[in-house]
Amino acid sequence: MDRKKWGVGGLVFVGCMFLGGGVGALLGSSHIGWLIGMGVGFLGIALTRLIGK
């Protein structure tokens, strides 16, 4: 079974998600930080796929 190459997009997503969670925890609202981090992460995935083409 061949694994699909995801490139750095997955790392960008997870990195943004954890950074958002950390900043949200510092500001007292970690769940909002996780959601914002996920949104930025999805945009990061889209940008890495656009740049990679």
Protein backbone atom coordinates (compact mmCIF):
# COMPACT_ATOMS: atom_id res chain seq x y z
CA MET A 1 0.00 0.00 0.00
CA ASP A 2 1.54 3.29 -1.11
CA ARG A 3 1.42 6.28 1.20
CA LYS A 4 0.56 9.62 -0.32
CA LYS A 5 3.24 12.30 0.06
CA TRP A 6 1.82 15.23 1.99
CA GLY A 7 4.94 17.39 2.08
CA VAL A 8 5.22 20.14 4.65
CA GLY A 9 1.51 21.04 4.62
CA GLY A 10 0.73 18.69 7.51
CA LEU A 11 3.58 20.10 9.58
CA VAL A 12 2.38 23.64 8.89
CA PHE A 13 -1.12 22.69 10.02
CA VAL A 14 -0.02 21.02 13.26
CA GLY A 15 2.46 23.80 14.02
CA CYS A 16 -0.16 26.52 13.58
CA MET A 17 -2.67 24.56 15.63
CA PHE A 18 -0.29 24.14 18.58
CA LEU A 19 0.90 27.75 18.40
CA GLY A 20 -2.71 28.93 18.43
CA GLY A 21 -3.48 26.67 21.40
CA GLY A 22 -0.46 27.97 23.30
CA VAL A 23 -1.26 31.63 22.66
CA GLY A 24 -4.90 31.00 23.56
CA ALA A 25 -3.85 29.32 26.81
CA LEU A 26 -1.67 32.31 27.69
CA LEU A 27 -4.60 34.63 27.07
CA GLY A 28 -7.02 32.48 29.07
CA SER A 29 -9.10 30.99 26.25
CA SER A 30 -7.33 27.93 24.86
CA HIS A 31 -10.30 26.54 22.90
CA ILE A 32 -10.54 29.75 20.88
CA GLY A 33 -6.80 29.60 20.27
CA TRP A 34 -7.04 26.02 18.97
CA LEU A 35 -9.81 27.02 16.55
CA ILE A 36 -7.89 30.04 15.27
CA GLY A 37 -4.76 27.91 14.95
CA MET A 38 -6.67 25.33 12.93
CA GLY A 39 -8.03 28.01 10.60
CA VAL A 40 -4.56 29.46 10.03
CA GLY A 41 -3.23 25.93 9.57
CA PHE A 42 -5.73 25.16 6.83
CA LEU A 43 -4.73 28.37 5.08
CA GLY A 44 -1.09 27.33 5.48
CA ILE A 45 -1.81 23.97 3.85
CA ALA A 46 -3.48 25.73 0.93
CA LEU A 47 -0.51 28.08 0.51
CA THR A 48 2.04 25.27 0.60
CA ARG A 49 0.09 23.36 -2.04
CA LEU A 50 -0.16 26.48 -4.21
CA ILE A 51 3.55 27.22 -3.90
CA GLY A 52 4.42 23.58 -4.54
CA LYS A 53 2.74 23.50 -7.96
